[in-house]
Amino acid sequence: MSTSLKEKKAKKTDTPKVDKNEKYAGIIEYDTPAYKPRKRRLGDRYDGRRLRTLPAMHYLEPYLMKVRADSQNQFEAEIDIHNAELYLAEKKKEGYTDMSLLHVILAAYVRVVCERPGIHRFIAGQKIFHRNKIECLMTIKKDMTLESPDTCIKVEFDPRDNIYNVYKKFQKTVIEAKNEDGDFESIVGKLVKLPGLVLRASIGILRFLDYFGMMPKALAKISPFHGSMIITSMGSLGIPAIYHHLYDFGHLPIFVSYGRMFNREVTLPDGTKENHHFITFKVVTDERICDGFYYASSFKQLMRYLNHPEVLDQIPETVVEDVD
């Protein structure tokens, strides 16, 4: 069903450099940038370039729907994960014993961004931008206890990343987060010691700076409110998926949630019946970044990858650029 990482070749300049001595070593390095270099223009931000050739209605929507609470759309699907489970069983035989459905979903999302760059936009300052980096966020617990504190991790991916790269980058970040205190938690700890009015004014200043793309880069880099998408696994908590709201602070445009597995009988092409595992997959999106047809195409593509995850072993040959 799957082949070894050595057999997954990209172009000659993008050949994986693999070190099998460490579990999460061997992250693929690329000799060329994913996107063609662009000169920064007036109106661009440090975290994204402003899009200027979209249909006129796209530019009006952020003024009609000023905040994400006004522009949230909800999407739900029940996904058969039978093929994904078979795929993960093969990966465990290869030695990736802790590779999970989460890694498959993240790899599928990264691949969809590679092919459908419109879902990688965001709204800031009532303007539409394409993000420069793929940054996926997730809140994790350092230990699975009620007293254990939460911490939010942010993992940067390349649109060419295959399942192995996604897995290794994510696991490496999780281990680092569990072994040390995050910079964001440290900053929050200092902020909450301020008097209420001073804290409110400080947040107001940050909102103002972020509106114009002037918030300190170091703060945006660790902020859990700035990124491509945020994902949560309700299944790991043993409960169904939820619709999680988008934040008005920052510019996260997509929130993904998936729940615990459940059984359902399916009819195979030969007429026989078989029990498969399913998950409920719920997404909340900022409708202002692309139209419904584009979103639908992107979600269908993501579900195809979840149904045929072996494709994610490969490094894509091309990366689709967003519009100017």
C-alpha atoms as a PDB file:
ATOM      1  CA  MET A   1       0.000   0.000   0.000  1.00  0.00           C
ATOM      2  CA  SER A   2       2.902   2.325   0.714  1.00  0.00           C
ATOM      3  CA  THR A   3       6.537   2.455  -0.177  1.00  0.00           C
ATOM      4  CA  SER A   4       9.609   3.562   1.752  1.00  0.00           C
ATOM      5  CA  LEU A   5      10.674   7.179   2.038  1.00  0.00           C
ATOM      6  CA  LYS A   6      13.734   6.477  -0.153  1.00  0.00           C
ATOM      7  CA  GLU A   7      11.444   5.691  -3.082  1.00  0.00           C
ATOM      8  CA  LYS A   8       9.620   9.020  -2.783  1.00  0.00           C
ATOM      9  CA  LYS A   9      11.774  11.239  -4.971  1.00  0.00           C
ATOM     10  CA  ALA A  10      11.220  14.870  -5.776  1.00  0.00           C
ATOM     11  CA  LYS A  11      13.185  16.883  -8.283  1.00  0.00           C
ATOM     12  CA  LYS A  12      16.917  16.448  -8.089  1.00  0.00           C
ATOM     13  CA  THR A  13      17.370  19.662  -6.089  1.00  0.00           C
ATOM     14  CA  ASP A  14      14.720  18.621  -3.575  1.00  0.00           C
ATOM     15  CA  THR A  15      15.989  15.147  -2.680  1.00  0.00           C
ATOM     16  CA  PRO A  16      15.237  14.289   0.979  1.00  0.00           C
ATOM     17  CA  LYS A  17      18.230  14.223   3.317  1.00  0.00           C
ATOM     18  CA  VAL A  18      17.361  11.436   5.738  1.00  0.00           C
ATOM     19  CA  ASP A  19      19.052  10.613   9.024  1.00  0.00           C
ATOM     20  CA  LYS A  20      17.480   7.553  10.639  1.00  0.00           C
ATOM     21  CA  ASN A  21      19.543   7.689  13.813  1.00  0.00           C
ATOM     22  CA  GLU A  22      16.979   9.859  15.577  1.00  0.00           C
ATOM     23  CA  LYS A  23      13.239   9.294  15.574  1.00  0.00           C
ATOM     24  CA  TYR A  24      12.244  12.720  14.317  1.00  0.00           C
ATOM     25  CA  ALA A  25      15.402  13.475  12.343  1.00  0.00           C
ATOM     26  CA  GLY A  26      15.511  13.482   8.563  1.00  0.00           C
ATOM     27  CA  ILE A  27      13.232  16.457   7.955  1.00  0.00           C
ATOM     28  CA  ILE A  28      13.292  17.180   4.227  1.00  0.00           C
ATOM     29  CA  GLU A  29      15.135  20.342   3.287  1.00  0.00           C
ATOM     30  CA  TYR A  30      14.451  22.130  -0.017  1.00  0.00           C
ATOM     31  CA  ASP A  31      17.076  23.941  -2.040  1.00  0.00           C
ATOM     32  CA  THR A  32      14.533  26.213  -3.731  1.00  0.00           C
ATOM     33  CA  PRO A  33      11.716  28.358  -2.262  1.00  0.00           C
ATOM     34  CA  ALA A  34       8.162  27.069  -2.611  1.00  0.00           C
ATOM     35  CA  TYR A  35       6.963  30.334  -4.169  1.00  0.00           C
ATOM     36  CA  LYS A  36       8.718  32.679  -6.535  1.00  0.00           C
ATOM     37  CA  PRO A  37      10.358  35.631  -4.767  1.00  0.00           C
ATOM     38  CA  ARG A  38       8.221  38.781  -4.891  1.00  0.00           C
ATOM     39  CA  LYS A  39       9.199  42.351  -4.240  1.00  0.00           C
ATOM     40  CA  ARG A  40       7.281  43.780  -1.297  1.00  0.00           C
ATOM     41  CA  ARG A  41       4.793  46.405  -2.453  1.00  0.00           C
ATOM     42  CA  LEU A  42       3.003  49.229  -0.674  1.00  0.00           C
ATOM     43  CA  GLY A  43       0.174  47.690   1.352  1.00  0.00           C
ATOM     44  CA  ASP A  44       1.858  44.312   1.873  1.00  0.00           C
ATOM     45  CA  ARG A  45       2.449  43.008   5.397  1.00  0.00           C
ATOM     46  CA  TYR A  46       5.416  41.142   6.812  1.00  0.00           C
ATOM     47  CA  ASP A  47       3.207  38.038   7.171  1.00  0.00           C
ATOM     48  CA  GLY A  48       1.356  38.252   3.855  1.00  0.00           C
ATOM     49  CA  ARG A  49       1.072  39.974   0.496  1.00  0.00           C
ATOM     50  CA  ARG A  50      -1.998  41.988  -0.387  1.00  0.00           C
ATOM     51  CA  LEU A  51      -4.169  40.553  -3.167  1.00  0.00           C
ATOM     52  CA  ARG A  52      -5.175  43.092  -5.799  1.00  0.00           C
ATOM     53  CA  THR A  53      -6.814  41.175  -8.669  1.00  0.00           C
ATOM     54  CA  LEU A  54      -9.813  39.525  -6.978  1.00  0.00           C
ATOM     55  CA  PRO A  55     -13.428  40.281  -8.046  1.00  0.00           C
ATOM     56  CA  ALA A  56     -14.660  43.594  -6.630  1.00  0.00           C
ATOM     57  CA  MET A  57     -17.147  42.006  -4.196  1.00  0.00           C
ATOM     58  CA  HIS A  58     -14.298  40.353  -2.313  1.00  0.00           C
ATOM     59  CA  TYR A  59     -12.922  43.768  -1.363  1.00  0.00           C
ATOM     60  CA  LEU A  60     -16.301  45.053  -0.179  1.00  0.00           C
ATOM     61  CA  GLU A  61     -17.081  42.092   2.111  1.00  0.00           C
ATOM     62  CA  PRO A  62     -14.586  42.993   4.892  1.00  0.00           C
ATOM     63  CA  TYR A  63     -16.312  46.368   5.199  1.00  0.00           C
ATOM     64  CA  LEU A  64     -19.805  44.852   5.298  1.00  0.00           C
ATOM     65  CA  MET A  65     -18.734  42.055   7.673  1.00  0.00           C
ATOM     66  CA  LYS A  66     -16.196  43.836   9.834  1.00  0.00           C
ATOM     67  CA  VAL A  67     -15.352  41.010  12.233  1.00  0.00           C
ATOM     68  CA  ARG A  68     -15.014  37.242  11.937  1.00  0.00           C
ATOM     69  CA  ALA A  69     -18.077  36.748  14.136  1.00  0.00           C
ATOM     70  CA  ASP A  70     -20.121  38.278  11.278  1.00  0.00           C
ATOM     71  CA  SER A  71     -18.560  36.095   8.603  1.00  0.00           C
ATOM     72  CA  GLN A  72     -18.345  32.596  10.061  1.00  0.00           C
ATOM     73  CA  ASN A  73     -19.524  29.680   7.959  1.00  0.00           C
ATOM     74  CA  GLN A  74     -19.839  26.164   9.359  1.00  0.00           C
ATOM     75  CA  PHE A  75     -19.138  22.941   7.523  1.00  0.00           C
ATOM     76  CA  GLU A  76     -19.662  19.360   8.718  1.00  0.00           C
ATOM     77  CA  ALA A  77     -18.837  15.974   7.169  1.00  0.00           C
ATOM     78  CA  GLU A  78     -18.753  12.384   8.337  1.00  0.00           C
ATOM     79  CA  ILE A  79     -15.577  10.794   6.998  1.00  0.00           C
ATOM     80  CA  ASP A  80     -14.886   7.096   6.537  1.00  0.00           C
ATOM     81  CA  ILE A  81     -11.372   6.580   7.954  1.00  0.00           C
ATOM     82  CA  HIS A  82     -11.070   2.877   7.089  1.00  0.00           C
ATOM     83  CA  ASN A  83      -8.390   3.502   4.443  1.00  0.00           C
ATOM     84  CA  ALA A  84      -6.587   5.916   6.739  1.00  0.00           C
ATOM     85  CA  GLU A  85      -6.452   3.251   9.464  1.00  0.00           C
ATOM     86  CA  LEU A  86      -5.005   0.704   7.033  1.00  0.00           C
ATOM     87  CA  TYR A  87      -2.483   3.326   5.924  1.00  0.00           C
ATOM     88  CA  LEU A  88      -1.444   4.101   9.518  1.00  0.00           C
ATOM     89  CA  ALA A  89      -1.053   0.387  10.224  1.00  0.00           C
ATOM     90  CA  GLU A  90       1.468   0.266   7.357  1.00  0.00           C
ATOM     91  CA  LYS A  91       3.293   3.282   8.771  1.00  0.00           C
ATOM     92  CA  LYS A  92       3.594   1.583  12.160  1.00  0.00           C
ATOM     93  CA  LYS A  93       5.316  -1.333  10.397  1.00  0.00           C
ATOM     94  CA  GLU A  94       7.777   1.214   8.963  1.00  0.00           C
ATOM     95  CA  GLY A  95       8.589   2.350  12.504  1.00  0.00           C
ATOM     96  CA  TYR A  96       6.301   5.395  12.771  1.00  0.00           C
ATOM     97  CA  THR A  97       4.535   3.967  15.814  1.00  0.00           C
ATOM     98  CA  ASP A  98       3.002   7.240  16.990  1.00  0.00           C
ATOM     99  CA  MET A  99       1.829   8.512  13.609  1.00  0.00           C
ATOM    100  CA  SER A 100      -1.898   9.207  13.932  1.00  0.00           C
ATOM    101  CA  LEU A 101      -4.958  10.466  12.128  1.00  0.00           C
ATOM    102  CA  LEU A 102      -4.006  13.987  13.229  1.00  0.00           C
ATOM    103  CA  HIS A 103      -0.842  13.830  11.126  1.00  0.00           C
ATOM    104  CA  VAL A 104      -2.814  12.580   8.123  1.00  0.00           C
ATOM    105  CA  ILE A 105      -5.309  15.456   8.449  1.00  0.00           C
ATOM    106  CA  LEU A 106      -2.513  18.015   8.730  1.00  0.00           C
ATOM    107  CA  ALA A 107      -0.670  16.538   5.741  1.00  0.00           C
ATOM    108  CA  ALA A 108      -3.914  16.587   3.736  1.00  0.00           C
ATOM    109  CA  TYR A 109      -4.479  20.246   4.667  1.00  0.00           C
ATOM    110  CA  VAL A 110      -0.918  21.190   3.646  1.00  0.00           C
ATOM    111  CA  ARG A 111      -1.415  19.422   0.310  1.00  0.00           C
ATOM    112  CA  VAL A 112      -4.698  21.261  -0.293  1.00  0.00           C
ATOM    113  CA  VAL A 113      -2.958  24.593   0.396  1.00  0.00           C
ATOM    114  CA  CYS A 114      -0.363  23.538  -2.189  1.00  0.00           C
ATOM    115  CA  GLU A 115      -3.139  23.075  -4.770  1.00  0.00           C
ATOM    116  CA  ARG A 116      -5.825  25.524  -3.577  1.00  0.00           C
ATOM    117  CA  PRO A 117      -3.926  28.588  -2.277  1.00  0.00           C
ATOM    118  CA  GLY A 118      -7.147  30.574  -1.871  1.00  0.00           C
ATOM    119  CA  ILE A 119      -7.838  28.897   1.471  1.00  0.00           C
ATOM    120  CA  HIS A 120      -4.519  30.261   2.696  1.00  0.00           C
ATOM    121  CA  ARG A 121      -5.655  33.880   2.737  1.00  0.00           C
ATOM    122  CA  PHE A 122      -6.570  36.040   5.706  1.00  0.00           C
ATOM    123  CA  ILE A 123      -8.292  39.325   6.473  1.00  0.00           C
ATOM    124  CA  ALA A 124      -6.423  42.083   8.329  1.00  0.00           C
ATOM    125  CA  GLY A 125      -7.115  45.793   8.367  1.00  0.00           C
ATOM    126  CA  GLN A 126     -10.204  44.981   6.223  1.00  0.00           C
ATOM    127  CA  LYS A 127      -7.897  43.935   3.388  1.00  0.00           C
ATOM    128  CA  ILE A 128      -7.289  40.475   1.872  1.00  0.00           C
ATOM    129  CA  PHE A 129      -3.822  38.925   2.059  1.00  0.00           C
ATOM    130  CA  HIS A 130      -2.150  35.675   1.084  1.00  0.00           C
ATOM    131  CA  ARG A 131      -0.071  34.281   3.937  1.00  0.00           C
ATOM    132  CA  ASN A 132       3.648  33.908   3.368  1.00  0.00           C
ATOM    133  CA  LYS A 133       3.938  30.772   5.542  1.00  0.00           C
ATOM    134  CA  ILE A 134       1.816  27.744   6.390  1.00  0.00           C
ATOM    135  CA  GLU A 135       1.510  27.814  10.173  1.00  0.00           C
ATOM    136  CA  CYS A 136      -0.801  25.293  11.875  1.00  0.00           C
ATOM    137  CA  LEU A 137      -1.731  25.660  15.527  1.00  0.00           C
ATOM    138  CA  MET A 138      -2.976  23.267  18.171  1.00  0.00           C
ATOM    139  CA  THR A 139      -3.538  23.521  21.902  1.00  0.00           C
ATOM    140  CA  ILE A 140      -2.024  20.623  23.810  1.00  0.00           C
ATOM    141  CA  LYS A 141      -1.696  19.584  27.431  1.00  0.00           C
ATOM    142  CA  LYS A 142       1.749  18.875  28.818  1.00  0.00           C
ATOM    143  CA  ASP A 143       0.217  15.957  30.718  1.00  0.00           C
ATOM    144  CA  MET A 144      -3.252  14.401  30.415  1.00  0.00           C
ATOM    145  CA  THR A 145      -4.413  15.554  33.846  1.00  0.00           C
ATOM    146  CA  LEU A 146      -6.985  18.134  34.951  1.00  0.00           C
ATOM    147  CA  GLU A 147      -4.275  20.206  36.620  1.00  0.00           C
ATOM    148  CA  SER A 148      -1.882  20.207  33.667  1.00  0.00           C
ATOM    149  CA  PRO A 149      -1.636  23.607  31.928  1.00  0.00           C
ATOM    150  CA  ASP A 150      -2.479  24.105  28.262  1.00  0.00           C
ATOM    151  CA  THR A 151       0.061  25.344  25.777  1.00  0.00           C
ATOM    152  CA  CYS A 152      -0.428  26.267  22.140  1.00  0.00           C
ATOM    153  CA  ILE A 153       2.050  25.036  19.559  1.00  0.00           C
ATOM    154  CA  LYS A 154       2.598  26.560  16.135  1.00  0.00           C
ATOM    155  CA  VAL A 155       4.208  24.405  13.446  1.00  0.00           C
ATOM    156  CA  GLU A 156       5.502  25.831  10.170  1.00  0.00           C
ATOM    157  CA  PHE A 157       5.106  23.667   7.068  1.00  0.00           C
ATOM    158  CA  ASP A 158       6.225  23.957   3.470  1.00  0.00           C
ATOM    159  CA  PRO A 159       3.492  23.383   0.835  1.00  0.00           C
ATOM    160  CA  ARG A 160       5.694  20.622  -0.629  1.00  0.00           C
ATOM    161  CA  ASP A 161       5.837  18.677   2.638  1.00  0.00           C
ATOM    162  CA  ASN A 162       4.814  15.032   2.485  1.00  0.00           C
ATOM    163  CA  ILE A 163       3.378  12.996   5.381  1.00  0.00           C
ATOM    164  CA  TYR A 164       6.843  12.220   6.751  1.00  0.00           C
ATOM    165  CA  ASN A 165       7.857  15.863   6.947  1.00  0.00           C
ATOM    166  CA  VAL A 166       4.539  16.899   8.502  1.00  0.00           C
ATOM    167  CA  TYR A 167       4.811  14.137  11.089  1.00  0.00           C
ATOM    168  CA  LYS A 168       8.399  14.905  12.069  1.00  0.00           C
ATOM    169  CA  LYS A 169       7.945  18.676  12.257  1.00  0.00           C
ATOM    170  CA  PHE A 170       4.796  18.337  14.345  1.00  0.00           C
ATOM    171  CA  GLN A 171       6.200  15.742  16.761  1.00  0.00           C
ATOM    172  CA  LYS A 172       9.437  17.680  17.201  1.00  0.00           C
ATOM    173  CA  THR A 173       7.457  20.803  18.143  1.00  0.00           C
ATOM    174  CA  VAL A 174       5.231  18.868  20.578  1.00  0.00           C
ATOM    175  CA  ILE A 175       8.232  17.407  22.396  1.00  0.00           C
ATOM    176  CA  GLU A 176       9.882  20.824  22.686  1.00  0.00           C
ATOM    177  CA  ALA A 177       6.648  22.386  23.987  1.00  0.00           C
ATOM    178  CA  LYS A 178       6.186  19.714  26.656  1.00  0.00           C
ATOM    179  CA  ASN A 179       9.753  20.066  27.903  1.00  0.00           C
ATOM    180  CA  GLU A 180       9.870  23.849  28.256  1.00  0.00           C
ATOM    181  CA  ASP A 181       7.651  26.830  29.007  1.00  0.00           C
ATOM    182  CA  GLY A 182       6.410  28.698  25.941  1.00  0.00           C
ATOM    183  CA  ASP A 183       7.310  32.321  25.241  1.00  0.00           C
ATOM    184  CA  PHE A 184       3.658  33.265  24.763  1.00  0.00           C
ATOM    185  CA  GLU A 185       2.663  31.917  28.191  1.00  0.00           C
ATOM    186  CA  SER A 186       5.512  33.917  29.707  1.00  0.00           C
ATOM    187  CA  ILE A 187       4.284  37.141  28.062  1.00  0.00           C
ATOM    188  CA  VAL A 188       0.683  36.484  29.098  1.00  0.00           C
ATOM    189  CA  GLY A 189       1.830  35.879  32.676  1.00  0.00           C
ATOM    190  CA  LYS A 190       3.340  39.361  32.731  1.00  0.00           C
ATOM    191  CA  LEU A 191       0.372  41.043  31.021  1.00  0.00           C
ATOM    192  CA  VAL A 192      -2.250  39.731  33.436  1.00  0.00           C
ATOM    193  CA  LYS A 193      -0.363  41.288  36.344  1.00  0.00           C
ATOM    194  CA  LEU A 194      -1.117  44.744  34.938  1.00  0.00           C
ATOM    195  CA  PRO A 195      -4.050  46.755  36.322  1.00  0.00           C
ATOM    196  CA  GLY A 196      -7.267  46.084  34.380  1.00  0.00           C
ATOM    197  CA  LEU A 197      -7.415  49.451  32.598  1.00  0.00           C
ATOM    198  CA  VAL A 198      -3.747  49.258  31.627  1.00  0.00           C
ATOM    199  CA  LEU A 199      -4.233  45.707  30.327  1.00  0.00           C
ATOM    200  CA  ARG A 200      -7.258  46.803  28.301  1.00  0.00           C
ATOM    201  CA  ALA A 201      -5.288  49.708  26.827  1.00  0.00           C
ATOM    202  CA  SER A 202      -2.356  47.401  26.001  1.00  0.00           C
ATOM    203  CA  ILE A 203      -4.619  44.990  24.119  1.00  0.00           C
ATOM    204  CA  GLY A 204      -6.145  47.960  22.292  1.00  0.00           C
ATOM    205  CA  ILE A 205      -2.696  49.096  21.193  1.00  0.00           C
ATOM    206  CA  LEU A 206      -1.883  45.595  19.936  1.00  0.00           C
ATOM    207  CA  ARG A 207      -5.157  45.517  17.955  1.00  0.00           C
ATOM    208  CA  PHE A 208      -4.314  48.888  16.430  1.00  0.00           C
ATOM    209  CA  LEU A 209      -0.805  47.785  15.458  1.00  0.00           C
ATOM    210  CA  ASP A 210      -2.082  44.494  14.050  1.00  0.00           C
ATOM    211  CA  TYR A 211      -4.727  46.300  11.978  1.00  0.00           C
ATOM    212  CA  PHE A 212      -1.958  48.101  10.107  1.00  0.00           C
ATOM    213  CA  GLY A 213       0.459  45.144  10.078  1.00  0.00           C
ATOM    214  CA  MET A 214       2.783  46.798  12.571  1.00  0.00           C
ATOM    215  CA  MET A 215       2.553  44.401  15.507  1.00  0.00           C
ATOM    216  CA  PRO A 216       6.035  43.206  16.561  1.00  0.00           C
ATOM    217  CA  LYS A 217       7.076  40.206  14.474  1.00  0.00           C
ATOM    218  CA  ALA A 218       8.395  38.384  17.523  1.00  0.00           C
ATOM    219  CA  LEU A 219       4.969  38.568  19.160  1.00  0.00           C
ATOM    220  CA  ALA A 220       3.095  37.504  16.012  1.00  0.00           C
ATOM    221  CA  LYS A 221       5.476  34.552  15.650  1.00  0.00           C
ATOM    222  CA  ILE A 222       4.375  33.042  18.970  1.00  0.00           C
ATOM    223  CA  SER A 223       0.785  34.305  19.002  1.00  0.00           C
ATOM    224  CA  PRO A 224      -1.900  31.561  18.939  1.00  0.00           C
ATOM    225  CA  PHE A 225      -4.208  34.025  17.159  1.00  0.00           C
ATOM    226  CA  HIS A 226      -2.066  34.417  14.046  1.00  0.00           C
ATOM    227  CA  GLY A 227      -1.638  31.547  11.615  1.00  0.00           C
ATOM    228  CA  SER A 228      -3.099  29.556   8.745  1.00  0.00           C
ATOM    229  CA  MET A 229      -5.450  27.291  10.678  1.00  0.00           C
ATOM    230  CA  ILE A 230      -6.007  25.839  14.130  1.00  0.00           C
ATOM    231  CA  ILE A 231      -7.037  22.244  14.768  1.00  0.00           C
ATOM    232  CA  THR A 232      -8.414  20.441  17.796  1.00  0.00           C
ATOM    233  CA  SER A 233      -8.967  16.734  18.397  1.00  0.00           C
ATOM    234  CA  MET A 234     -12.092  16.165  20.448  1.00  0.00           C
ATOM    235  CA  GLY A 235     -11.614  12.463  19.813  1.00  0.00           C
ATOM    236  CA  SER A 236      -8.569  12.446  22.094  1.00  0.00           C
ATOM    237  CA  LEU A 237     -10.900  13.701  24.849  1.00  0.00           C
ATOM    238  CA  GLY A 238     -13.518  11.066  24.024  1.00  0.00           C
ATOM    239  CA  ILE A 239     -16.206  13.523  22.923  1.00  0.00           C
ATOM    240  CA  PRO A 240     -17.799  14.499  19.575  1.00  0.00           C
ATOM    241  CA  ALA A 241     -16.479  17.306  17.374  1.00  0.00           C
ATOM    242  CA  ILE A 242     -17.543  20.872  18.110  1.00  0.00           C
ATOM    243  CA  TYR A 243     -17.989  24.043  16.089  1.00  0.00           C
ATOM    244  CA  HIS A 244     -15.337  26.343  17.519  1.00  0.00           C
ATOM    245  CA  HIS A 245     -15.677  30.069  16.904  1.00  0.00           C
ATOM    246  CA  LEU A 246     -13.002  32.106  15.134  1.00  0.00           C
ATOM    247  CA  TYR A 247     -11.138  34.785  17.064  1.00  0.00           C
ATOM    248  CA  ASP A 248     -11.608  38.461  16.258  1.00  0.00           C
ATOM    249  CA  PHE A 249      -8.140  39.187  17.609  1.00  0.00           C
ATOM    250  CA  GLY A 250      -5.474  38.142  15.095  1.00  0.00           C
ATOM    251  CA  HIS A 251      -6.397  36.702  11.703  1.00  0.00           C
ATOM    252  CA  LEU A 252      -6.905  32.906  11.919  1.00  0.00           C
ATOM    253  CA  PRO A 253      -9.418  32.116   9.119  1.00  0.00           C
ATOM    254  CA  ILE A 254     -10.068  28.378   9.688  1.00  0.00           C
ATOM    255  CA  PHE A 255     -10.810  26.296  12.795  1.00  0.00           C
ATOM    256  CA  VAL A 256     -10.929  22.499  12.357  1.00  0.00           C
ATOM    257  CA  SER A 257     -12.370  20.058  14.882  1.00  0.00           C
ATOM    258  CA  TYR A 258     -12.788  16.308  14.664  1.00  0.00           C
ATOM    259  CA  GLY A 259     -14.369  13.958  17.181  1.00  0.00           C
ATOM    260  CA  ARG A 260     -14.212  10.432  18.492  1.00  0.00           C
ATOM    261  CA  MET A 261     -14.585   7.475  16.162  1.00  0.00           C
ATOM    262  CA  PHE A 262     -17.865   5.649  15.699  1.00  0.00           C
ATOM    263  CA  ASN A 263     -18.884   2.538  13.768  1.00  0.00           C
ATOM    264  CA  ARG A 264     -21.119   2.416  10.718  1.00  0.00           C
ATOM    265  CA  GLU A 265     -21.983  -0.351   8.303  1.00  0.00           C
ATOM    266  CA  VAL A 266     -21.057   0.389   4.697  1.00  0.00           C
ATOM    267  CA  THR A 267     -21.911  -1.412   1.477  1.00  0.00           C
ATOM    268  CA  LEU A 268     -18.890  -2.288  -0.647  1.00  0.00           C
ATOM    269  CA  PRO A 269     -18.931  -2.186  -4.493  1.00  0.00           C
ATOM    270  CA  ASP A 270     -19.438  -5.981  -4.627  1.00  0.00           C
ATOM    271  CA  GLY A 271     -22.566  -5.687  -2.479  1.00  0.00           C
ATOM    272  CA  THR A 272     -21.063  -7.063   0.735  1.00  0.00           C
ATOM    273  CA  LYS A 273     -21.358  -5.120   3.989  1.00  0.00           C
ATOM    274  CA  GLU A 274     -18.540  -4.172   6.315  1.00  0.00           C
ATOM    275  CA  ASN A 275     -18.169  -2.145   9.528  1.00  0.00           C
ATOM    276  CA  HIS A 276     -15.964   0.915   9.147  1.00  0.00           C
ATOM    277  CA  HIS A 277     -14.803   3.600  11.553  1.00  0.00           C
ATOM    278  CA  PHE A 278     -16.003   7.162  10.889  1.00  0.00           C
ATOM    279  CA  ILE A 279     -15.244  10.548  12.414  1.00  0.00           C
ATOM    280  CA  THR A 280     -17.279  13.737  12.421  1.00  0.00           C
ATOM    281  CA  PHE A 281     -15.261  16.581  10.913  1.00  0.00           C
ATOM    282  CA  LYS A 282     -16.400  20.152  11.618  1.00  0.00           C
ATOM    283  CA  VAL A 283     -14.883  23.333  10.230  1.00  0.00           C
ATOM    284  CA  VAL A 284     -15.585  27.007  10.907  1.00  0.00           C
ATOM    285  CA  THR A 285     -14.315  29.342   8.199  1.00  0.00           C
ATOM    286  CA  ASP A 286     -14.031  33.041   7.455  1.00  0.00           C
ATOM    287  CA  GLU A 287     -16.197  33.297   4.339  1.00  0.00           C
ATOM    288  CA  ARG A 288     -14.501  36.515   3.225  1.00  0.00           C
ATOM    289  CA  ILE A 289     -11.243  34.881   2.093  1.00  0.00           C
ATOM    290  CA  CYS A 290     -12.729  32.925  -0.849  1.00  0.00           C
ATOM    291  CA  ASP A 291     -16.129  32.023  -2.315  1.00  0.00           C
ATOM    292  CA  GLY A 292     -18.271  28.983  -1.510  1.00  0.00           C
ATOM    293  CA  PHE A 293     -17.376  27.111  -4.691  1.00  0.00           C
ATOM    294  CA  TYR A 294     -13.671  27.416  -3.890  1.00  0.00           C
ATOM    295  CA  TYR A 295     -14.205  26.268  -0.304  1.00  0.00           C
ATOM    296  CA  ALA A 296     -16.302  23.295  -1.486  1.00  0.00           C
ATOM    297  CA  SER A 297     -13.624  22.255  -3.976  1.00  0.00           C
ATOM    298  CA  SER A 298     -10.961  22.497  -1.274  1.00  0.00           C
ATOM    299  CA  PHE A 299     -12.908  20.425   1.257  1.00  0.00           C
ATOM    300  CA  LYS A 300     -13.678  17.752  -1.321  1.00  0.00           C
ATOM    301  CA  GLN A 301      -9.998  17.579  -2.185  1.00  0.00           C
ATOM    302  CA  LEU A 302      -9.089  17.259   1.485  1.00  0.00           C
ATOM    303  CA  MET A 303     -11.554  14.389   1.922  1.00  0.00           C
ATOM    304  CA  ARG A 304     -10.096  12.632  -1.140  1.00  0.00           C
ATOM    305  CA  TYR A 305      -6.689  12.710   0.523  1.00  0.00           C
ATOM    306  CA  LEU A 306      -8.133  11.323   3.759  1.00  0.00           C
ATOM    307  CA  ASN A 307      -9.637   8.501   1.706  1.00  0.00           C
ATOM    308  CA  HIS A 308      -6.409   7.927  -0.271  1.00  0.00           C
ATOM    309  CA  PRO A 309      -3.644   8.985   2.142  1.00  0.00           C
ATOM    310  CA  GLU A 310      -0.948   7.023   0.295  1.00  0.00           C
ATOM    311  CA  VAL A 311      -0.756   9.985  -2.111  1.00  0.00           C
ATOM    312  CA  LEU A 312       0.613  12.052   0.771  1.00  0.00           C
ATOM    313  CA  ASP A 313       3.815   9.979   0.772  1.00  0.00           C
ATOM    314  CA  GLN A 314       4.892  11.852  -2.328  1.00  0.00           C
ATOM    315  CA  ILE A 315       6.337  15.337  -2.669  1.00  0.00           C
ATOM    316  CA  PRO A 316       4.200  17.390  -5.082  1.00  0.00           C
ATOM    317  CA  GLU A 317       5.918  18.378  -8.298  1.00  0.00           C
ATOM    318  CA  THR A 318       4.355  21.853  -8.487  1.00  0.00           C
ATOM    319  CA  VAL A 319       2.998  24.446  -6.082  1.00  0.00           C
ATOM    320  CA  VAL A 320       0.087  26.585  -7.260  1.00  0.00           C
ATOM    321  CA  GLU A 321       0.550  30.321  -6.700  1.00  0.00           C
ATOM    322  CA  ASP A 322      -2.283  32.518  -5.483  1.00  0.00           C
ATOM    323  CA  VAL A 323      -3.477  35.435  -7.619  1.00  0.00           C
ATOM    324  CA  ASP A 324      -1.626  38.766  -7.624  1.00  0.00           C
END
